[in-house]
Amino acid sequence: MPSLVKIGTAAGVKSGTLVTVGGRDVVIFRQDDKFWAMSNVCAHQHISRLHEGKQDGCTIECPMHGWRYDIRSGISLTGQGRVAVYTVVVRGELLFVELPDER
């Protein structure tokens, strides 16, 4: 069963916010009133800096080597690879990240 981890309030979370969820570095992205969460680690050279990248709509560009990812799916738009994505659950004003069951 997936677990929900509270990350803050919707008003307090800006796009590019880095949080640690279940021991993982996760970056929260916001586009208008929608939220997405993905691993902060770029699939290209496994550097944990996607939170510092440039967001353009629903894409994020890694600041190290320019690899771009769709923040909704984690799929690379410039190379082969994928970054793990997590579901963001909004309950009232609170945001939660859903972590998969580790079994």
PDB file of N, CA and C in Angstrom:
ATOM      1  N   MET A   1       0.845  -1.179   0.000  1.00  0.00           N
ATOM      2  CA  MET A   1       0.000   0.000   0.000  1.00  0.00           C
ATOM      3  C   MET A   1       0.891   1.244   0.000  1.00  0.00           C
ATOM      4  N   PRO A   2       0.660   2.182  -0.921  1.00  0.00           N
ATOM      5  CA  PRO A   2       1.473   3.408  -0.937  1.00  0.00           C
ATOM      6  C   PRO A   2       1.277   4.223   0.337  1.00  0.00           C
ATOM      7  N   SER A   3       2.290   4.978   0.693  1.00  0.00           N
ATOM      8  CA  SER A   3       2.176   5.840   1.872  1.00  0.00           C
ATOM      9  C   SER A   3       2.191   7.297   1.437  1.00  0.00           C
ATOM     10  N   LEU A   4       1.467   8.137   2.173  1.00  0.00           N
ATOM     11  CA  LEU A   4       1.431   9.565   1.901  1.00  0.00           C
ATOM     12  C   LEU A   4       2.327  10.284   2.897  1.00  0.00           C
ATOM     13  N   VAL A   5       3.177  11.166   2.369  1.00  0.00           N
ATOM     14  CA  VAL A   5       4.082  11.948   3.208  1.00  0.00           C
ATOM     15  C   VAL A   5       3.758  13.423   3.005  1.00  0.00           C
ATOM     16  N   LYS A   6       3.415  14.109   4.095  1.00  0.00           N
ATOM     17  CA  LYS A   6       3.073  15.534   4.021  1.00  0.00           C
ATOM     18  C   LYS A   6       4.311  16.351   3.688  1.00  0.00           C
ATOM     19  N   ILE A   7       4.158  17.272   2.719  1.00  0.00           N
ATOM     20  CA  ILE A   7       5.290  18.113   2.340  1.00  0.00           C
ATOM     21  C   ILE A   7       5.056  19.591   2.614  1.00  0.00           C
ATOM     22  N   GLY A   8       3.828  19.988   2.912  1.00  0.00           N
ATOM     23  CA  GLY A   8       3.568  21.388   3.229  1.00  0.00           C
ATOM     24  C   GLY A   8       2.214  21.831   2.738  1.00  0.00           C
ATOM     25  N   THR A   9       2.024  23.146   2.733  1.00  0.00           N
ATOM     26  CA  THR A   9       0.773  23.699   2.240  1.00  0.00           C
ATOM     27  C   THR A   9       0.934  24.102   0.778  1.00  0.00           C
ATOM     28  N   ALA A  10      -0.165  24.064   0.064  1.00  0.00           N
ATOM     29  CA  ALA A  10      -0.125  24.428  -1.351  1.00  0.00           C
ATOM     30  C   ALA A  10       0.397  25.851  -1.527  1.00  0.00           C
ATOM     31  N   ALA A  11      -0.027  26.759  -0.670  1.00  0.00           N
ATOM     32  CA  ALA A  11       0.407  28.153  -0.771  1.00  0.00           C
ATOM     33  C   ALA A  11       1.897  28.309  -0.479  1.00  0.00           C
ATOM     34  N   GLY A  12       2.455  27.431   0.350  1.00  0.00           N
ATOM     35  CA  GLY A  12       3.847  27.557   0.761  1.00  0.00           C
ATOM     36  C   GLY A  12       4.848  26.836  -0.123  1.00  0.00           C
ATOM     37  N   VAL A  13       4.372  26.060  -1.098  1.00  0.00           N
ATOM     38  CA  VAL A  13       5.283  25.284  -1.943  1.00  0.00           C
ATOM     39  C   VAL A  13       5.394  25.948  -3.313  1.00  0.00           C
ATOM     40  N   LYS A  14       6.596  26.380  -3.630  1.00  0.00           N
ATOM     41  CA  LYS A  14       6.866  26.986  -4.933  1.00  0.00           C
ATOM     42  C   LYS A  14       7.461  25.946  -5.867  1.00  0.00           C
ATOM     43  N   SER A  15       7.352  26.186  -7.152  1.00  0.00           N
ATOM     44  CA  SER A  15       7.939  25.277  -8.119  1.00  0.00           C
ATOM     45  C   SER A  15       9.450  25.213  -7.926  1.00  0.00           C
ATOM     46  N   GLY A  16       9.995  24.011  -7.953  1.00  0.00           N
ATOM     47  CA  GLY A  16      11.417  23.808  -7.738  1.00  0.00           C
ATOM     48  C   GLY A  16      11.787  23.578  -6.285  1.00  0.00           C
ATOM     49  N   THR A  17      10.784  23.401  -5.423  1.00  0.00           N
ATOM     50  CA  THR A  17      11.048  23.157  -4.007  1.00  0.00           C
ATOM     51  C   THR A  17      11.623  21.755  -3.820  1.00  0.00           C
ATOM     52  N   LEU A  18      12.756  21.673  -3.154  1.00  0.00           N
ATOM     53  CA  LEU A  18      13.402  20.399  -2.871  1.00  0.00           C
ATOM     54  C   LEU A  18      12.992  19.919  -1.488  1.00  0.00           C
ATOM     55  N   VAL A  19      12.519  18.674  -1.406  1.00  0.00           N
ATOM     56  CA  VAL A  19      12.135  18.070  -0.137  1.00  0.00           C
ATOM     57  C   VAL A  19      12.760  16.681  -0.055  1.00  0.00           C
ATOM     58  N   THR A  20      12.902  16.190   1.156  1.00  0.00           N
ATOM     59  CA  THR A  20      13.335  14.811   1.350  1.00  0.00           C
ATOM     60  C   THR A  20      12.120  14.012   1.779  1.00  0.00           C
ATOM     61  N   VAL A  21      11.798  12.994   1.001  1.00  0.00           N
ATOM     62  CA  VAL A  21      10.609  12.184   1.239  1.00  0.00           C
ATOM     63  C   VAL A  21      11.052  10.725   1.289  1.00  0.00           C
ATOM     64  N   GLY A  22      10.872  10.094   2.442  1.00  0.00           N
ATOM     65  CA  GLY A  22      11.269   8.695   2.555  1.00  0.00           C
ATOM     66  C   GLY A  22      12.727   8.456   2.216  1.00  0.00           C
ATOM     67  N   GLY A  23      13.591   9.411   2.568  1.00  0.00           N
ATOM     68  CA  GLY A  23      15.022   9.286   2.298  1.00  0.00           C
ATOM     69  C   GLY A  23      15.414   9.616   0.865  1.00  0.00           C
ATOM     70  N   ARG A  24      14.478  10.105   0.066  1.00  0.00           N
ATOM     71  CA  ARG A  24      14.737  10.443  -1.336  1.00  0.00           C
ATOM     72  C   ARG A  24      14.673  11.954  -1.526  1.00  0.00           C
ATOM     73  N   ASP A  25      15.583  12.473  -2.352  1.00  0.00           N
ATOM     74  CA  ASP A  25      15.493  13.884  -2.742  1.00  0.00           C
ATOM     75  C   ASP A  25      14.451  13.997  -3.840  1.00  0.00           C
ATOM     76  N   VAL A  26      13.398  14.754  -3.551  1.00  0.00           N
ATOM     77  CA  VAL A  26      12.278  14.914  -4.476  1.00  0.00           C
ATOM     78  C   VAL A  26      12.071  16.402  -4.707  1.00  0.00           C
ATOM     79  N   VAL A  27      11.866  16.772  -5.968  1.00  0.00           N
ATOM     80  CA  VAL A  27      11.603  18.165  -6.301  1.00  0.00           C
ATOM     81  C   VAL A  27      10.125  18.299  -6.670  1.00  0.00           C
ATOM     82  N   ILE A  28       9.505  19.328  -6.120  1.00  0.00           N
ATOM     83  CA  ILE A  28       8.088  19.600  -6.370  1.00  0.00           C
ATOM     84  C   ILE A  28       7.994  20.702  -7.417  1.00  0.00           C
ATOM     85  N   PHE A  29       7.224  20.442  -8.445  1.00  0.00           N
ATOM     86  CA  PHE A  29       6.998  21.437  -9.489  1.00  0.00           C
ATOM     87  C   PHE A  29       5.552  21.886  -9.453  1.00  0.00           C
ATOM     88  N   ARG A  30       5.367  23.146  -9.784  1.00  0.00           N
ATOM     89  CA  ARG A  30       4.028  23.726  -9.813  1.00  0.00           C
ATOM     90  C   ARG A  30       3.853  24.421 -11.155  1.00  0.00           C
ATOM     91  N   GLN A  31       2.723  24.158 -11.776  1.00  0.00           N
ATOM     92  CA  GLN A  31       2.345  24.847 -13.011  1.00  0.00           C
ATOM     93  C   GLN A  31       0.900  25.259 -12.823  1.00  0.00           C
ATOM     94  N   ASP A  32       0.672  26.555 -12.663  1.00  0.00           N
ATOM     95  CA  ASP A  32      -0.647  27.089 -12.314  1.00  0.00           C
ATOM     96  C   ASP A  32      -1.066  26.474 -10.979  1.00  0.00           C
ATOM     97  N   ASP A  33      -2.183  25.772 -10.915  1.00  0.00           N
ATOM     98  CA  ASP A  33      -2.646  25.173  -9.661  1.00  0.00           C
ATOM     99  C   ASP A  33      -2.410  23.674  -9.600  1.00  0.00           C
ATOM    100  N   LYS A  34      -1.539  23.136 -10.448  1.00  0.00           N
ATOM    101  CA  LYS A  34      -1.237  21.706 -10.452  1.00  0.00           C
ATOM    102  C   LYS A  34       0.172  21.479  -9.933  1.00  0.00           C
ATOM    103  N   PHE A  35       0.361  20.331  -9.283  1.00  0.00           N
ATOM    104  CA  PHE A  35       1.652  19.979  -8.694  1.00  0.00           C
ATOM    105  C   PHE A  35       2.120  18.628  -9.214  1.00  0.00           C
ATOM    106  N   TRP A  36       3.435  18.499  -9.389  1.00  0.00           N
ATOM    107  CA  TRP A  36       4.061  17.231  -9.751  1.00  0.00           C
ATOM    108  C   TRP A  36       5.295  17.038  -8.886  1.00  0.00           C
ATOM    109  N   ALA A  37       5.691  15.802  -8.699  1.00  0.00           N
ATOM    110  CA  ALA A  37       6.897  15.489  -7.926  1.00  0.00           C
ATOM    111  C   ALA A  37       7.742  14.505  -8.709  1.00  0.00           C
ATOM    112  N   MET A  38       9.034  14.730  -8.699  1.00  0.00           N
ATOM    113  CA  MET A  38       9.945  13.793  -9.362  1.00  0.00           C
ATOM    114  C   MET A  38      11.267  13.748  -8.612  1.00  0.00           C
ATOM    115  N   SER A  39      12.002  12.699  -8.887  1.00  0.00           N
ATOM    116  CA  SER A  39      13.327  12.578  -8.292  1.00  0.00           C
ATOM    117  C   SER A  39      14.151  13.791  -8.685  1.00  0.00           C
ATOM    118  N   ASN A  40      15.022  14.214  -7.813  1.00  0.00           N
ATOM    119  CA  ASN A  40      15.892  15.351  -8.086  1.00  0.00           C
ATOM    120  C   ASN A  40      17.138  14.939  -8.860  1.00  0.00           C
ATOM    121  N   VAL A  41      17.273  13.640  -9.143  1.00  0.00           N
ATOM    122  CA  VAL A  41      18.488  13.107  -9.761  1.00  0.00           C
ATOM    123  C   VAL A  41      18.309  12.962 -11.270  1.00  0.00           C
ATOM    124  N   CYS A  42      19.120  13.677 -12.030  1.00  0.00           N
ATOM    125  CA  CYS A  42      19.097  13.615 -13.489  1.00  0.00           C
ATOM    126  C   CYS A  42      19.528  12.222 -13.959  1.00  0.00           C
ATOM    127  N   ALA A  43      18.833  11.694 -14.942  1.00  0.00           N
ATOM    128  CA  ALA A  43      19.150  10.363 -15.480  1.00  0.00           C
ATOM    129  C   ALA A  43      20.438  10.359 -16.301  1.00  0.00           C
ATOM    130  N   HIS A  44      20.893  11.525 -16.722  1.00  0.00           N
ATOM    131  CA  HIS A  44      22.077  11.619 -17.577  1.00  0.00           C
ATOM    132  C   HIS A  44      23.356  11.237 -16.835  1.00  0.00           C
ATOM    133  N   GLN A  45      23.677  11.975 -15.773  1.00  0.00           N
ATOM    134  CA  GLN A  45      24.897  11.674 -15.026  1.00  0.00           C
ATOM    135  C   GLN A  45      24.635  11.525 -13.535  1.00  0.00           C
ATOM    136  N   HIS A  46      23.377  11.330 -13.192  1.00  0.00           N
ATOM    137  CA  HIS A  46      22.955  11.022 -11.820  1.00  0.00           C
ATOM    138  C   HIS A  46      23.367  12.090 -10.810  1.00  0.00           C
ATOM    139  N   ILE A  47      23.255  13.332 -11.236  1.00  0.00           N
ATOM    140  CA  ILE A  47      23.555  14.462 -10.364  1.00  0.00           C
ATOM    141  C   ILE A  47      22.245  14.994  -9.799  1.00  0.00           C
ATOM    142  N   SER A  48      22.224  15.250  -8.496  1.00  0.00           N
ATOM    143  CA  SER A  48      21.004  15.657  -7.795  1.00  0.00           C
ATOM    144  C   SER A  48      20.860  17.179  -7.793  1.00  0.00           C
ATOM    145  N   ARG A  49      20.477  17.739  -8.988  1.00  0.00           N
ATOM    146  CA  ARG A  49      20.352  19.197  -9.083  1.00  0.00           C
ATOM    147  C   ARG A  49      19.173  19.652  -9.943  1.00  0.00           C
ATOM    148  N   LEU A  50      18.220  18.781 -10.217  1.00  0.00           N
ATOM    149  CA  LEU A  50      17.095  19.198 -11.054  1.00  0.00           C
ATOM    150  C   LEU A  50      16.316  20.354 -10.425  1.00  0.00           C
ATOM    151  N   HIS A  51      16.341  20.465  -9.105  1.00  0.00           N
ATOM    152  CA  HIS A  51      15.625  21.567  -8.441  1.00  0.00           C
ATOM    153  C   HIS A  51      16.192  22.929  -8.818  1.00  0.00           C
ATOM    154  N   GLU A  52      17.414  22.950  -9.323  1.00  0.00           N
ATOM    155  CA  GLU A  52      18.049  24.204  -9.745  1.00  0.00           C
ATOM    156  C   GLU A  52      17.835  24.486 -11.229  1.00  0.00           C
ATOM    157  N   GLY A  53      17.142  23.597 -11.909  1.00  0.00           N
ATOM    158  CA  GLY A  53      16.958  23.719 -13.350  1.00  0.00           C
ATOM    159  C   GLY A  53      15.962  24.793 -13.747  1.00  0.00           C
ATOM    160  N   LYS A  54      15.932  25.072 -15.034  1.00  0.00           N
ATOM    161  CA  LYS A  54      15.019  26.061 -15.584  1.00  0.00           C
ATOM    162  C   LYS A  54      13.736  25.356 -16.024  1.00  0.00           C
ATOM    163  N   GLN A  55      12.616  25.790 -15.437  1.00  0.00           N
ATOM    164  CA  GLN A  55      11.321  25.230 -15.798  1.00  0.00           C
ATOM    165  C   GLN A  55      10.702  26.070 -16.909  1.00  0.00           C
ATOM    166  N   ASP A  56      10.181  25.382 -17.919  1.00  0.00           N
ATOM    167  CA  ASP A  56       9.461  26.035 -19.008  1.00  0.00           C
ATOM    168  C   ASP A  56       8.164  25.260 -19.192  1.00  0.00           C
ATOM    169  N   GLY A  57       7.092  25.768 -18.604  1.00  0.00           N
ATOM    170  CA  GLY A  57       5.814  25.039 -18.651  1.00  0.00           C
ATOM    171  C   GLY A  57       5.950  23.727 -17.914  1.00  0.00           C
ATOM    172  N   CYS A  58       5.740  22.635 -18.621  1.00  0.00           N
ATOM    173  CA  CYS A  58       5.816  21.306 -18.003  1.00  0.00           C
ATOM    174  C   CYS A  58       7.123  20.590 -18.295  1.00  0.00           C
ATOM    175  N   THR A  59       8.171  21.358 -18.579  1.00  0.00           N
ATOM    176  CA  THR A  59       9.490  20.751 -18.759  1.00  0.00           C
ATOM    177  C   THR A  59      10.485  21.398 -17.803  1.00  0.00           C
ATOM    178  N   ILE A  60      11.482  20.610 -17.434  1.00  0.00           N
ATOM    179  CA  ILE A  60      12.578  21.096 -16.596  1.00  0.00           C
ATOM    180  C   ILE A  60      13.882  20.762 -17.308  1.00  0.00           C
ATOM    181  N   GLU A  61      14.808  21.702 -17.284  1.00  0.00           N
ATOM    182  CA  GLU A  61      16.116  21.491 -17.908  1.00  0.00           C
ATOM    183  C   GLU A  61      17.170  21.384 -16.821  1.00  0.00           C
ATOM    184  N   CYS A  62      17.907  20.301 -16.830  1.00  0.00           N
ATOM    185  CA  CYS A  62      18.977  20.104 -15.851  1.00  0.00           C
ATOM    186  C   CYS A  62      20.039  21.193 -16.033  1.00  0.00           C
ATOM    187  N   PRO A  63      20.447  21.835 -14.935  1.00  0.00           N
ATOM    188  CA  PRO A  63      21.429  22.911 -15.056  1.00  0.00           C
ATOM    189  C   PRO A  63      22.838  22.427 -15.391  1.00  0.00           C
ATOM    190  N   MET A  64      23.095  21.142 -15.279  1.00  0.00           N
ATOM    191  CA  MET A  64      24.450  20.636 -15.520  1.00  0.00           C
ATOM    192  C   MET A  64      24.755  20.460 -17.013  1.00  0.00           C
ATOM    193  N   HIS A  65      23.914  19.718 -17.731  1.00  0.00           N
ATOM    194  CA  HIS A  65      24.221  19.402 -19.124  1.00  0.00           C
ATOM    195  C   HIS A  65      23.044  19.620 -20.073  1.00  0.00           C
ATOM    196  N   GLY A  66      21.973  20.235 -19.570  1.00  0.00           N
ATOM    197  CA  GLY A  66      20.879  20.625 -20.448  1.00  0.00           C
ATOM    198  C   GLY A  66      19.859  19.555 -20.804  1.00  0.00           C
ATOM    199  N   TRP A  67      19.922  18.412 -20.162  1.00  0.00           N
ATOM    200  CA  TRP A  67      18.893  17.407 -20.452  1.00  0.00           C
ATOM    201  C   TRP A  67      17.552  17.935 -19.978  1.00  0.00           C
ATOM    202  N   ARG A  68      16.524  17.740 -20.783  1.00  0.00           N
ATOM    203  CA  ARG A  68      15.187  18.218 -20.452  1.00  0.00           C
ATOM    204  C   ARG A  68      14.264  17.033 -20.183  1.00  0.00           C
ATOM    205  N   TYR A  69      13.342  17.240 -19.232  1.00  0.00           N
ATOM    206  CA  TYR A  69      12.392  16.202 -18.831  1.00  0.00           C
ATOM    207  C   TYR A  69      10.984  16.775 -18.766  1.00  0.00           C
ATOM    208  N   ASP A  70      10.022  15.925 -19.079  1.00  0.00           N
ATOM    209  CA  ASP A  70       8.622  16.260 -18.866  1.00  0.00           C
ATOM    210  C   ASP A  70       8.349  16.026 -17.382  1.00  0.00           C
ATOM    211  N   ILE A  71       7.935  17.060 -16.654  1.00  0.00           N
ATOM    212  CA  ILE A  71       7.746  16.925 -15.207  1.00  0.00           C
ATOM    213  C   ILE A  71       6.550  16.047 -14.857  1.00  0.00           C
ATOM    214  N   ARG A  72       5.660  15.804 -15.812  1.00  0.00           N
ATOM    215  CA  ARG A  72       4.480  14.964 -15.565  1.00  0.00           C
ATOM    216  C   ARG A  72       4.806  13.483 -15.652  1.00  0.00           C
ATOM    217  N   SER A  73       5.739  13.119 -16.523  1.00  0.00           N
ATOM    218  CA  SER A  73       6.043  11.707 -16.754  1.00  0.00           C
ATOM    219  C   SER A  73       7.464  11.317 -16.368  1.00  0.00           C
ATOM    220  N   GLY A  74       8.370  12.287 -16.274  1.00  0.00           N
ATOM    221  CA  GLY A  74       9.774  12.013 -15.999  1.00  0.00           C
ATOM    222  C   GLY A  74      10.557  11.572 -17.219  1.00  0.00           C
ATOM    223  N   ILE A  75       9.916  11.521 -18.381  1.00  0.00           N
ATOM    224  CA  ILE A  75      10.579  11.065 -19.608  1.00  0.00           C
ATOM    225  C   ILE A  75      11.500  12.164 -20.134  1.00  0.00           C
ATOM    226  N   SER A  76      12.713  11.749 -20.524  1.00  0.00           N
ATOM    227  CA  SER A  76      13.680  12.685 -21.085  1.00  0.00           C
ATOM    228  C   SER A  76      13.241  13.095 -22.486  1.00  0.00           C
ATOM    229  N   LEU A  77      13.349  14.379 -22.767  1.00  0.00           N
ATOM    230  CA  LEU A  77      12.996  14.902 -24.087  1.00  0.00           C
ATOM    231  C   LEU A  77      14.230  15.112 -24.956  1.00  0.00           C
ATOM    232  N   THR A  78      15.412  14.944 -24.379  1.00  0.00           N
ATOM    233  CA  THR A  78      16.647  15.209 -25.115  1.00  0.00           C
ATOM    234  C   THR A  78      17.585  14.011 -25.185  1.00  0.00           C
ATOM    235  N   GLY A  79      17.320  12.987 -24.456  1.00  0.00           N
ATOM    236  CA  GLY A  79      18.163  11.796 -24.456  1.00  0.00           C
ATOM    237  C   GLY A  79      17.327  10.624 -24.001  1.00  0.00           C
ATOM    238  N   GLN A  80      17.965   9.492 -23.915  1.00  0.00           N
ATOM    239  CA  GLN A  80      17.233   8.334 -23.427  1.00  0.00           C
ATOM    240  C   GLN A  80      17.349   8.288 -21.919  1.00  0.00           C
ATOM    241  N   GLY A  81      16.252   8.044 -21.290  1.00  0.00           N
ATOM    242  CA  GLY A  81      16.261   7.978 -19.842  1.00  0.00           C
ATOM    243  C   GLY A  81      14.958   8.489 -19.270  1.00  0.00           C
ATOM    244  N   ARG A  82      14.828   8.271 -18.013  1.00  0.00           N
ATOM    245  CA  ARG A  82      13.609   8.668 -17.309  1.00  0.00           C
ATOM    246  C   ARG A  82      13.969   8.917 -15.853  1.00  0.00           C
ATOM    247  N   VAL A  83      13.277   9.877 -15.269  1.00  0.00           N
ATOM    248  CA  VAL A  83      13.432  10.204 -13.852  1.00  0.00           C
ATOM    249  C   VAL A  83      12.168   9.726 -13.150  1.00  0.00           C
ATOM    250  N   ALA A  84      12.322   9.161 -11.969  1.00  0.00           N
ATOM    251  CA  ALA A  84      11.164   8.674 -11.214  1.00  0.00           C
ATOM    252  C   ALA A  84      10.227   9.831 -10.898  1.00  0.00           C
ATOM    253  N   VAL A  85       8.925   9.583 -11.051  1.00  0.00           N
ATOM    254  CA  VAL A  85       7.915  10.573 -10.699  1.00  0.00           C
ATOM    255  C   VAL A  85       7.040  10.001  -9.593  1.00  0.00           C
ATOM    256  N   TYR A  86       6.445  10.903  -8.824  1.00  0.00           N
ATOM    257  CA  TYR A  86       5.595  10.520  -7.705  1.00  0.00           C
ATOM    258  C   TYR A  86       4.302  11.323  -7.785  1.00  0.00           C
ATOM    259  N   THR A  87       3.241  10.734  -7.327  1.00  0.00           N
ATOM    260  CA  THR A  87       1.953  11.400  -7.324  1.00  0.00           C
ATOM    261  C   THR A  87       1.899  12.416  -6.184  1.00  0.00           C
ATOM    262  N   VAL A  88       1.378  13.601  -6.482  1.00  0.00           N
ATOM    263  CA  VAL A  88       1.133  14.609  -5.463  1.00  0.00           C
ATOM    264  C   VAL A  88      -0.360  14.607  -5.181  1.00  0.00           C
ATOM    265  N   VAL A  89      -0.707  14.501  -3.911  1.00  0.00           N
ATOM    266  CA  VAL A  89      -2.103  14.489  -3.481  1.00  0.00           C
ATOM    267  C   VAL A  89      -2.371  15.792  -2.738  1.00  0.00           C
ATOM    268  N   VAL A  90      -3.439  16.480  -3.138  1.00  0.00           N
ATOM    269  CA  VAL A  90      -3.842  17.719  -2.488  1.00  0.00           C
ATOM    270  C   VAL A  90      -5.078  17.416  -1.646  1.00  0.00           C
ATOM    271  N   ARG A  91      -4.980  17.710  -0.365  1.00  0.00           N
ATOM    272  CA  ARG A  91      -6.113  17.548   0.561  1.00  0.00           C
ATOM    273  C   ARG A  91      -6.324  18.873   1.271  1.00  0.00           C
ATOM    274  N   GLY A  92      -7.353  19.578   0.830  1.00  0.00           N
ATOM    275  CA  GLY A  92      -7.573  20.915   1.371  1.00  0.00           C
ATOM    276  C   GLY A  92      -6.413  21.797   0.968  1.00  0.00           C
ATOM    277  N   GLU A  93      -5.712  22.359   1.934  1.00  0.00           N
ATOM    278  CA  GLU A  93      -4.546  23.209   1.671  1.00  0.00           C
ATOM    279  C   GLU A  93      -3.228  22.448   1.766  1.00  0.00           C
ATOM    280  N   LEU A  94      -3.283  21.168   2.134  1.00  0.00           N
ATOM    281  CA  LEU A  94      -2.061  20.392   2.350  1.00  0.00           C
ATOM    282  C   LEU A  94      -1.660  19.593   1.119  1.00  0.00           C
ATOM    283  N   LEU A  95      -0.345  19.456   0.926  1.00  0.00           N
ATOM    284  CA  LEU A  95       0.203  18.644  -0.160  1.00  0.00           C
ATOM    285  C   LEU A  95       0.906  17.433   0.429  1.00  0.00           C
ATOM    286  N   PHE A  96       0.725  16.301  -0.234  1.00  0.00           N
ATOM    287  CA  PHE A  96       1.358  15.048   0.151  1.00  0.00           C
ATOM    288  C   PHE A  96       2.002  14.434  -1.087  1.00  0.00           C
ATOM    289  N   VAL A  97       3.103  13.728  -0.891  1.00  0.00           N
ATOM    290  CA  VAL A  97       3.706  12.924  -1.941  1.00  0.00           C
ATOM    291  C   VAL A  97       3.395  11.469  -1.636  1.00  0.00           C
ATOM    292  N   GLU A  98       2.938  10.755  -2.648  1.00  0.00           N
ATOM    293  CA  GLU A  98       2.617   9.340  -2.482  1.00  0.00           C
ATOM    294  C   GLU A  98       3.839   8.505  -2.865  1.00  0.00           C
ATOM    295  N   LEU A  99       4.326   7.739  -1.902  1.00  0.00           N
ATOM    296  CA  LEU A  99       5.477   6.863  -2.143  1.00  0.00           C
ATOM    297  C   LEU A  99       4.987   5.447  -2.392  1.00  0.00           C
ATOM    298  N   PRO A 100       5.551   4.781  -3.389  1.00  0.00           N
ATOM    299  CA  PRO A 100       5.133   3.404  -3.664  1.00  0.00           C
ATOM    300  C   PRO A 100       5.555   2.461  -2.541  1.00  0.00           C
ATOM    301  N   ASP A 101       4.829   1.370  -2.432  1.00  0.00           N
ATOM    302  CA  ASP A 101       5.168   0.319  -1.480  1.00  0.00           C
ATOM    303  C   ASP A 101       6.507  -0.279  -1.892  1.00  0.00           C
ATOM    304  N   GLU A 102       7.412  -0.450  -0.973  1.00  0.00           N
ATOM    305  CA  GLU A 102       8.772  -0.930  -1.266  1.00  0.00           C
ATOM    306  C   GLU A 102       8.884  -2.450  -1.327  1.00  0.00           C
ATOM    307  N   ARG A 103       7.808  -3.167  -1.251  1.00  0.00           N
ATOM    308  CA  ARG A 103       7.908  -4.643  -1.241  1.00  0.00           C
ATOM    309  C   ARG A 103       8.331  -5.211  -2.531  1.00  0.00           C
TER     310      ARG A 103
END
